[in-house]
């Protein structure tokens, strides 16, 4: 009787999902504690916007070094290092005492988290079968949004009992525990993992093809990567995505409390609902794009159509959420908006695996860099827009970026590989 394949590749995926959860848990803590922090530290909304922007600026700038770190030294060492780094600065946020200390701490926190998604994408590139890529990316990003959804209620409870500083300490400790487990258990290739049997190795090798794997410490071919037209369209689209998502991650709890009139307990509950809706968007988008590609054999259509539909759903949610005078209807339509935004995510992160091969981490880092430039500008601009024009204008701007993102998605061709094999350039 043939040996049944082990499922270590799926265990790798689920451990990675936990890492994604931690990234968003750590970054959403400050959105939930924001109003209380501002009052204690004496910060107005524009100054606090720069504190939030400090994280996003560092997160954007260090995307390329983060992706390079994973491709050069392997995800095992690289993720252990950066998760430990950002977890330390998550905890140190509890000890900030003025605007300057908060800016510095959040900037250093962003430096660490910058490599998380590109390196995690690289960690899956030699484990996950091509037919599972969209689903895998949908699941990982669903995990991040699930972590974000659970965070506001938990943080509000910790704040009521212990104050706003304790949540940062708690969430930082969670990351350090994960980093220790990852280093002890994960291996950069299936061949190195003692729990993988020959049947699973054969399954992975057959799925990934017979191309020679690029060894670690190989120079990243940036010139070929930056010559990819698909990558530039992908990055422009992700700028639009990052702009829209930042509104809900960084400001939605504050919006609910200061504009929609919810108290701190209700704010924590209602702020979680759109992020929870986003979990289902992640799962649907990743599953849908893989099934479409499998049934039709048309990878380009499977990626572009699902992504464009996601942005269309987001647009259909943002506009009525902004225009309604009913706070609960606003939250309901916001759930549709974030659901639609997140339908695009599993698709977006599958494309670097489709076109980047063993350099998927570096390709993903370029895309994510542009996405977080969008998030940085959005986060800082919102503080000034609200101060000058009120809360509606930032959401109308978000709707415009959803429209543009959907149009850009139609120009992405996931079938155009950058490399023919290994590091050899293929796409022009």
Protein backbone atom coordinates (compact mmCIF):
# COMPACT_ATOMS: atom_id res chain seq x y z
CA UNK A 1 0.00 0.00 0.00
CA UNK A 2 1.49 3.41 -0.97
CA UNK A 3 2.68 5.63 1.86
CA UNK A 4 0.25 8.45 2.64
CA UNK A 5 1.81 11.92 2.45
CA UNK A 6 2.31 13.74 5.71
CA UNK A 7 0.79 17.20 6.01
CA UNK A 8 3.66 19.20 7.41
CA UNK A 9 3.17 21.80 4.66
CA UNK A 10 -0.26 22.54 6.13
CA UNK A 11 1.22 22.80 9.62
CA UNK A 12 3.73 25.33 8.22
CA UNK A 13 0.81 27.28 6.82
CA UNK A 14 -1.08 27.36 10.14
CA UNK A 15 1.97 28.41 12.15
CA UNK A 16 2.44 31.19 9.60
CA UNK A 17 -1.21 32.16 10.07
CA UNK A 18 -0.49 32.74 13.76
CA UNK A 19 2.37 35.06 12.82
CA UNK A 20 0.00 37.04 10.60
CA UNK A 21 -2.46 37.25 13.49
CA UNK A 22 0.24 38.66 15.74
CA UNK A 23 1.25 41.34 13.23
CA UNK A 24 -2.24 42.81 13.16
CA UNK A 25 -2.92 42.33 16.85
CA UNK A 26 0.19 44.39 17.62
CA UNK A 27 -0.65 47.18 15.19
CA UNK A 28 -4.35 47.44 16.13
CA UNK A 29 -3.67 47.88 19.85
CA UNK A 30 -2.76 51.53 19.34
CA UNK A 31 -5.88 52.21 17.26
CA UNK A 32 -8.04 51.00 20.16
CA UNK A 33 -6.09 52.81 22.88
CA UNK A 34 -5.71 55.94 20.74
CA UNK A 35 -8.26 58.28 22.34
CA UNK A 36 -7.05 57.49 25.88
CA UNK A 37 -3.39 57.78 24.87
CA UNK A 38 -3.98 61.15 23.24
CA UNK A 39 -5.64 62.50 26.37
CA UNK A 40 -2.89 61.30 28.71
CA UNK A 41 0.03 62.32 26.48
CA UNK A 42 -1.57 65.62 25.45
CA UNK A 43 -1.63 64.97 21.67
CA UNK A 44 -4.10 66.46 19.19
CA UNK A 45 -5.46 64.36 16.34
CA UNK A 46 -2.92 65.63 13.76
CA UNK A 47 0.04 64.87 16.05
CA UNK A 48 -1.31 61.42 16.79
CA UNK A 49 -1.72 60.88 13.05
CA UNK A 50 2.02 61.38 12.67
CA UNK A 51 2.63 58.81 15.40
CA UNK A 52 0.54 56.30 13.48
CA UNK A 53 2.26 57.38 10.29
CA UNK A 54 5.71 56.78 11.83
CA UNK A 55 4.94 53.07 11.98
CA UNK A 56 3.66 53.00 8.42
CA UNK A 57 6.57 55.05 7.09
CA UNK A 58 9.13 52.66 8.57
CA UNK A 59 7.02 49.70 7.49
CA UNK A 60 7.13 51.02 3.91
CA UNK A 61 10.81 51.94 3.79
CA UNK A 62 12.02 48.63 5.18
CA UNK A 63 9.93 46.38 2.93
CA UNK A 64 12.81 45.82 0.50
CA UNK A 65 15.42 45.09 3.20
CA UNK A 66 12.89 42.78 4.86
CA UNK A 67 12.17 40.83 1.66
CA UNK A 68 15.89 40.66 0.92
CA UNK A 69 16.58 39.33 4.43
CA UNK A 70 14.21 36.41 3.90
CA UNK A 71 15.47 35.58 0.41
CA UNK A 72 19.11 35.86 1.42
CA UNK A 73 19.20 34.11 4.82
CA UNK A 74 16.03 32.06 4.82
CA UNK A 75 12.69 32.54 6.58
CA UNK A 76 13.67 30.54 9.67
CA UNK A 77 16.36 32.94 10.84
CA UNK A 78 14.82 36.07 9.32
CA UNK A 79 11.35 35.71 10.85
CA UNK A 80 12.78 34.78 14.24
CA UNK A 81 14.83 37.97 14.21
CA UNK A 82 12.16 40.40 13.07
CA UNK A 83 9.31 39.01 15.19
CA UNK A 84 11.50 39.30 18.28
CA UNK A 85 12.48 42.85 17.26
CA UNK A 86 8.96 44.17 16.73
CA UNK A 87 7.61 42.39 19.82
CA UNK A 88 10.14 44.20 21.98
CA UNK A 89 9.04 47.56 20.59
CA UNK A 90 5.37 46.63 20.94
CA UNK A 91 6.00 46.22 24.66
CA UNK A 92 8.13 49.36 24.88
CA UNK A 93 5.21 51.42 23.56
CA UNK A 94 3.79 51.02 27.08
CA UNK A 95 6.62 53.22 28.39
CA UNK A 96 6.25 56.14 25.99
CA UNK A 97 5.65 59.48 27.69
CA UNK A 98 5.43 62.15 24.97
CA UNK A 99 5.11 62.61 21.22
CA UNK A 100 8.83 62.11 20.49
CA UNK A 101 9.11 58.85 22.42
CA UNK A 102 5.93 57.56 20.78
CA UNK A 103 7.19 58.46 17.28
CA UNK A 104 10.53 56.72 17.90
CA UNK A 105 8.97 53.59 19.33
CA UNK A 106 6.41 53.23 16.57
CA UNK A 107 9.05 53.83 13.87
CA UNK A 108 11.26 51.06 15.28
CA UNK A 109 8.23 48.81 15.61
CA UNK A 110 7.49 49.42 11.92
CA UNK A 111 11.07 48.53 10.98
CA UNK A 112 10.56 45.08 12.47
CA UNK A 113 7.12 44.36 11.06
CA UNK A 114 8.19 45.48 7.57
CA UNK A 115 9.64 42.11 6.68
CA UNK A 116 6.81 40.02 8.08
CA UNK A 117 4.61 39.46 5.04
CA UNK A 118 7.37 39.25 2.40
CA UNK A 119 9.37 36.78 4.49
CA UNK A 120 6.26 34.78 5.36
CA UNK A 121 5.43 34.64 1.65
CA UNK A 122 8.96 33.35 1.04
CA UNK A 123 8.48 30.78 3.82
CA UNK A 124 5.56 29.30 1.90
CA UNK A 125 7.17 29.37 -1.56
CA UNK A 126 8.91 26.00 -1.15
CA UNK A 127 6.14 24.37 0.85
CA UNK A 128 2.75 25.27 -0.66
CA UNK A 129 1.61 23.74 -3.94
CA UNK A 130 0.75 26.16 -6.78
CA UNK A 131 -2.89 25.04 -6.72
CA UNK A 132 -3.08 26.06 -3.04
CA UNK A 133 -1.44 29.48 -3.29
CA UNK A 134 -4.48 31.74 -3.44
CA UNK A 135 -6.16 29.75 -0.69
CA UNK A 136 -3.01 29.83 1.45
CA UNK A 137 -2.64 33.58 1.09
CA UNK A 138 -6.33 34.03 1.80
CA UNK A 139 -6.03 31.97 4.98
CA UNK A 140 -2.93 33.80 6.21
CA UNK A 141 -4.47 37.21 5.69
CA UNK A 142 -7.74 36.00 7.18
CA UNK A 143 -5.69 35.12 10.25
CA UNK A 144 -4.29 38.63 10.40
CA UNK A 145 -7.74 40.18 10.20
CA UNK A 146 -9.12 37.70 12.73
CA UNK A 147 -6.37 38.77 15.11
CA UNK A 148 -7.25 42.40 14.40
CA UNK A 149 -10.96 41.69 15.00
CA UNK A 150 -10.36 40.04 18.36
CA UNK A 151 -8.00 42.77 19.52
CA UNK A 152 -10.33 45.76 20.14
CA UNK A 153 -12.65 43.94 22.60
CA UNK A 154 -9.70 42.41 24.43
CA UNK A 155 -7.80 45.69 24.56
CA UNK A 156 -10.83 47.62 25.83
CA UNK A 157 -11.24 45.06 28.63
CA UNK A 158 -7.54 45.32 29.56
CA UNK A 159 -7.78 49.12 29.43
CA UNK A 160 -10.79 49.24 31.74
CA UNK A 161 -9.11 46.92 34.26
CA UNK A 162 -5.41 47.83 34.00
CA UNK A 163 -5.06 51.00 31.88
CA UNK A 164 -3.86 51.56 28.31
CA UNK A 165 -0.23 50.52 28.84
CA UNK A 166 -0.76 46.88 29.85
CA UNK A 167 -2.14 45.70 26.47
CA UNK A 168 1.15 46.59 24.78
CA UNK A 169 3.09 44.46 27.26
CA UNK A 170 0.76 41.49 26.84
CA UNK A 171 0.81 41.50 23.05
CA UNK A 172 4.58 41.93 22.89
CA UNK A 173 5.07 38.80 25.00
CA UNK A 174 2.89 36.75 22.63
CA UNK A 175 5.22 37.57 19.74
CA UNK A 176 8.36 36.55 21.60
CA UNK A 177 6.85 33.14 22.42
CA UNK A 178 5.96 32.62 18.74
CA UNK A 179 9.48 33.54 17.58
CA UNK A 180 11.05 30.93 19.86
CA UNK A 181 8.71 28.22 18.58
CA UNK A 182 9.31 29.15 14.92
CA UNK A 183 13.09 28.89 15.26
CA UNK A 184 12.90 25.50 16.95
CA UNK A 185 10.30 23.93 14.64
CA UNK A 186 10.34 25.47 11.12
CA UNK A 187 12.82 24.56 8.37
CA UNK A 188 13.48 26.50 5.17
CA UNK A 189 12.88 23.50 2.89
CA UNK A 190 10.76 20.34 3.23
CA UNK A 191 13.90 18.24 2.80
CA UNK A 192 15.30 19.65 6.05
CA UNK A 193 12.20 18.91 8.16
CA UNK A 194 12.37 15.61 10.03
CA UNK A 195 8.57 15.16 10.05
CA UNK A 196 8.15 15.24 6.25
CA UNK A 197 7.94 11.77 4.68
CA UNK A 198 8.96 10.78 1.16
CA UNK A 199 5.37 10.83 -0.11
CA UNK A 200 4.88 14.47 0.89
CA UNK A 201 8.30 15.38 -0.53
CA UNK A 202 7.31 13.80 -3.85
CA UNK A 203 3.99 15.67 -3.81
CA UNK A 204 5.70 19.01 -3.19
CA UNK A 205 8.39 18.38 -5.80
CA UNK A 206 5.82 17.41 -8.41
CA UNK A 207 3.69 20.46 -7.62
CA UNK A 208 6.57 22.93 -7.72
CA UNK A 209 8.13 21.38 -10.82
CA UNK A 210 11.62 20.12 -11.44
CA UNK A 211 13.40 23.45 -11.62
CA UNK A 212 16.56 23.82 -9.60
CA UNK A 213 15.92 25.64 -6.36
CA UNK A 214 17.85 28.83 -5.83
CA UNK A 215 20.25 28.38 -2.88
CA UNK A 216 20.24 30.74 0.05
CA UNK A 217 22.76 33.59 -0.08
CA UNK A 218 22.10 34.01 -3.82
CA UNK A 219 22.14 37.63 -4.94
CA UNK A 220 18.62 38.95 -5.44
CA UNK A 221 18.18 39.96 -9.13
CA UNK A 222 16.63 43.37 -8.50
CA UNK A 223 17.14 44.57 -12.08
CA UNK A 224 14.93 41.78 -13.42
CA UNK A 225 12.36 42.33 -10.69
CA UNK A 226 12.13 46.07 -11.33
CA UNK A 227 11.81 45.43 -15.08
CA UNK A 228 8.54 43.57 -14.61
CA UNK A 229 5.53 45.52 -15.91
CA UNK A 230 3.21 43.22 -13.94
CA UNK A 231 4.98 44.13 -10.72
CA UNK A 232 4.52 47.87 -11.28
CA UNK A 233 0.80 47.55 -12.00
CA UNK A 234 0.49 45.24 -8.99
CA UNK A 235 2.28 47.78 -6.80
CA UNK A 236 0.10 50.69 -7.97
CA UNK A 237 -3.01 48.63 -7.22
CA UNK A 238 -1.67 47.78 -3.77
CA UNK A 239 -1.07 51.47 -3.08
CA UNK A 240 -4.83 51.92 -3.48
CA UNK A 241 -5.51 48.95 -1.24
CA UNK A 242 -3.15 50.24 1.46
CA UNK A 243 -4.79 53.68 1.40
CA UNK A 244 -8.24 52.19 2.00
CA UNK A 245 -7.29 49.60 4.62
CA UNK A 246 -5.39 52.12 6.75
CA UNK A 247 -8.61 54.06 7.33
CA UNK A 248 -10.20 51.06 9.03
CA UNK A 249 -7.13 49.75 10.84
CA UNK A 250 -5.80 53.03 12.22
CA UNK A 251 -8.85 55.25 12.61
CA UNK A 252 -12.12 53.34 12.69
CA UNK A 253 -12.30 52.97 16.50
CA UNK A 254 -11.63 56.71 16.89
CA UNK A 255 -14.23 57.47 14.21
CA UNK A 256 -16.85 55.41 16.03
CA UNK A 257 -16.16 57.09 19.36
CA UNK A 258 -15.66 60.69 18.28
CA UNK A 259 -18.02 60.96 15.29
CA UNK A 260 -20.62 58.20 15.70
CA UNK A 261 -20.93 58.64 19.48
CA UNK A 262 -20.18 55.16 20.83
CA UNK A 263 -18.76 54.76 24.35
CA UNK A 264 -15.47 52.90 24.81
CA UNK A 265 -17.04 49.46 25.37
CA UNK A 266 -19.37 49.64 22.37
CA UNK A 267 -16.57 51.13 20.32
CA UNK A 268 -14.41 48.05 20.94
CA UNK A 269 -17.22 45.73 19.87
CA UNK A 270 -18.36 47.62 16.77
CA UNK A 271 -14.79 48.33 15.61
CA UNK A 272 -14.20 44.57 15.50
CA UNK A 273 -17.13 43.78 13.19
CA UNK A 274 -15.72 45.13 9.87
CA UNK A 275 -12.41 43.37 10.54
CA UNK A 276 -14.30 40.15 11.24
CA UNK A 277 -16.13 40.60 7.94
CA UNK A 278 -12.71 41.01 6.34
CA UNK A 279 -11.77 37.51 7.52
CA UNK A 280 -14.51 36.05 5.33
CA UNK A 281 -13.41 38.27 2.45
CA UNK A 282 -9.87 36.91 2.70
CA UNK A 283 -11.07 33.32 2.70
CA UNK A 284 -13.49 33.84 -0.18
CA UNK A 285 -11.04 35.71 -2.40
CA UNK A 286 -8.23 33.18 -1.97
CA UNK A 287 -10.49 30.16 -2.48
CA UNK A 288 -12.36 31.70 -5.40
CA UNK A 289 -9.28 32.67 -7.40
CA UNK A 290 -7.72 29.21 -7.02
CA UNK A 291 -10.92 27.38 -8.02
CA UNK A 292 -11.34 29.68 -11.03
CA UNK A 293 -7.78 29.05 -12.17
CA UNK A 294 -8.13 25.30 -11.65
CA UNK A 295 -11.37 25.00 -13.61
CA UNK A 296 -10.50 27.32 -16.50
CA UNK A 297 -6.72 27.14 -16.70
CA UNK A 298 -6.76 30.94 -17.14
CA UNK A 299 -4.60 32.24 -14.30
CA UNK A 300 -4.72 35.84 -15.50
CA UNK A 301 -8.53 36.00 -15.48
CA UNK A 302 -8.73 34.15 -12.18
CA UNK A 303 -6.56 36.77 -10.46
CA UNK A 304 -7.75 39.97 -12.16
CA UNK A 305 -11.50 39.37 -12.09
CA UNK A 306 -11.73 38.36 -8.45
CA UNK A 307 -9.53 41.31 -7.42
CA UNK A 308 -11.60 43.81 -9.41
CA UNK A 309 -14.86 42.46 -7.98
CA UNK A 310 -13.45 42.87 -4.47
CA UNK A 311 -12.75 46.56 -5.02
CA UNK A 312 -16.24 46.97 -6.49
CA UNK A 313 -17.80 45.52 -3.33
CA UNK A 314 -15.69 47.85 -1.20
CA UNK A 315 -16.88 50.86 -3.17
CA UNK A 316 -20.49 49.69 -2.74
CA UNK A 317 -19.96 49.65 1.04
CA UNK A 318 -17.96 52.82 1.69
CA UNK A 319 -20.34 55.27 0.06
CA UNK A 320 -23.56 54.36 1.94
CA UNK A 321 -21.61 53.90 5.19
CA UNK A 322 -20.40 57.47 4.90
CA UNK A 323 -23.72 59.00 3.87
CA UNK A 324 -26.03 57.34 6.39
CA UNK A 325 -26.91 59.10 9.62
CA UNK A 326 -27.58 55.82 11.46
CA UNK A 327 -24.47 54.62 13.37
CA UNK A 328 -25.47 50.96 13.20
CA UNK A 329 -26.14 51.12 9.46
CA UNK A 330 -22.74 52.76 9.10
CA UNK A 331 -21.09 49.78 10.80
CA UNK A 332 -23.09 47.33 8.65
CA UNK A 333 -22.05 49.01 5.38
CA UNK A 334 -18.49 49.28 6.70
CA UNK A 335 -18.52 45.50 7.10
CA UNK A 336 -19.31 45.22 3.38
CA UNK A 337 -16.54 47.70 2.59
CA UNK A 338 -13.84 45.82 4.49
CA UNK A 339 -15.17 42.47 3.20
CA UNK A 340 -14.70 43.74 -0.35
CA UNK A 341 -11.28 45.21 0.31
CA UNK A 342 -10.14 41.90 1.78
CA UNK A 343 -11.49 39.80 -1.12
CA UNK A 344 -8.55 41.26 -3.05
CA UNK A 345 -5.85 40.26 -0.57
CA UNK A 346 -5.38 36.54 -1.10
CA UNK A 347 -5.31 37.26 -4.83
CA UNK A 348 -2.77 40.05 -4.48
CA UNK A 349 -0.35 37.99 -2.40
CA UNK A 350 -0.71 34.95 -4.65
CA UNK A 351 0.63 36.99 -7.59
CA UNK A 352 4.20 37.37 -6.18
CA UNK A 353 4.28 33.58 -5.81
CA UNK A 354 2.97 33.24 -9.38
CA UNK A 355 5.51 35.58 -10.95
CA UNK A 356 8.43 35.58 -8.50
CA UNK A 357 9.36 31.95 -7.81
CA UNK A 358 12.20 31.65 -5.30
CA UNK A 359 12.39 35.45 -5.17
CA UNK A 360 8.73 35.79 -4.19
CA UNK A 361 9.75 37.48 -0.94
CA UNK A 362 11.55 40.27 -2.75
CA UNK A 363 8.73 40.67 -5.28
CA UNK A 364 6.18 40.79 -2.46
CA UNK A 365 8.28 43.35 -0.60
CA UNK A 366 8.07 45.78 -3.54
CA UNK A 367 4.31 45.38 -3.73
CA UNK A 368 3.89 45.75 0.02
CA UNK A 369 6.20 48.76 0.11
CA UNK A 370 3.90 50.64 -2.26
CA UNK A 371 0.84 49.45 -0.36
CA UNK A 372 2.19 50.87 2.83
CA UNK A 373 3.26 54.12 1.23
CA UNK A 374 -0.44 54.42 0.44
CA UNK A 375 -1.29 53.55 4.03
CA UNK A 376 1.24 56.05 5.39
CA UNK A 377 -0.12 58.94 3.35
CA UNK A 378 -3.69 57.93 4.13
CA UNK A 379 -3.11 57.72 7.88
CA UNK A 380 -1.36 61.09 8.16
CA UNK A 381 -3.68 62.84 5.71
CA UNK A 382 -6.76 61.67 7.59
CA UNK A 383 -5.73 63.57 10.70
CA UNK A 384 -5.50 66.83 8.75
CA UNK A 385 -8.60 66.15 6.65
CA UNK A 386 -10.69 65.51 9.74
CA UNK A 387 -9.31 68.59 11.44
CA UNK A 388 -10.13 70.79 8.44
CA UNK A 389 -13.13 69.20 6.73
CA UNK A 390 -14.66 66.59 9.06
CA UNK A 391 -14.85 62.81 8.96
CA UNK A 392 -16.68 62.24 5.65
CA UNK A 393 -13.95 63.45 3.29
CA UNK A 394 -11.40 60.69 4.11
CA UNK A 395 -13.99 58.02 3.37
CA UNK A 396 -14.94 59.60 0.04
CA UNK A 397 -11.25 59.62 -0.84
CA UNK A 398 -11.10 55.93 0.08
CA UNK A 399 -13.99 55.23 -2.29
CA UNK A 400 -12.06 56.90 -5.10
CA UNK A 401 -9.03 54.70 -4.46
CA UNK A 402 -11.24 51.60 -4.52
CA UNK A 403 -12.42 52.59 -7.99
CA UNK A 404 -8.85 53.14 -9.18
CA UNK A 405 -7.67 49.88 -7.59
CA UNK A 406 -10.34 47.89 -9.42
CA UNK A 407 -9.31 49.42 -12.75
CA UNK A 408 -5.63 48.68 -12.12
CA UNK A 409 -6.40 45.07 -11.23
CA UNK A 410 -7.57 44.46 -14.78
CA UNK A 411 -4.02 45.18 -15.98
CA UNK A 412 -2.29 42.54 -13.82
CA UNK A 413 -1.08 39.40 -15.62
CA UNK A 414 -0.13 36.69 -13.13
CA UNK A 415 0.90 34.35 -15.97
CA UNK A 416 3.90 36.53 -16.91
CA UNK A 417 6.73 35.02 -14.86
CA UNK A 418 9.70 37.24 -14.07
CA UNK A 419 12.08 34.28 -14.04
CA UNK A 420 12.10 31.29 -16.37
CA UNK A 421 13.87 29.16 -13.74
CA UNK A 422 15.86 29.97 -10.64
CA UNK A 423 17.03 33.54 -10.98
CA UNK A 424 17.08 33.75 -14.79
CA UNK A 425 15.04 36.69 -16.05
CA UNK A 426 12.08 35.75 -18.25
CA UNK A 427 9.52 38.56 -18.46
CA UNK A 428 10.30 41.69 -20.40
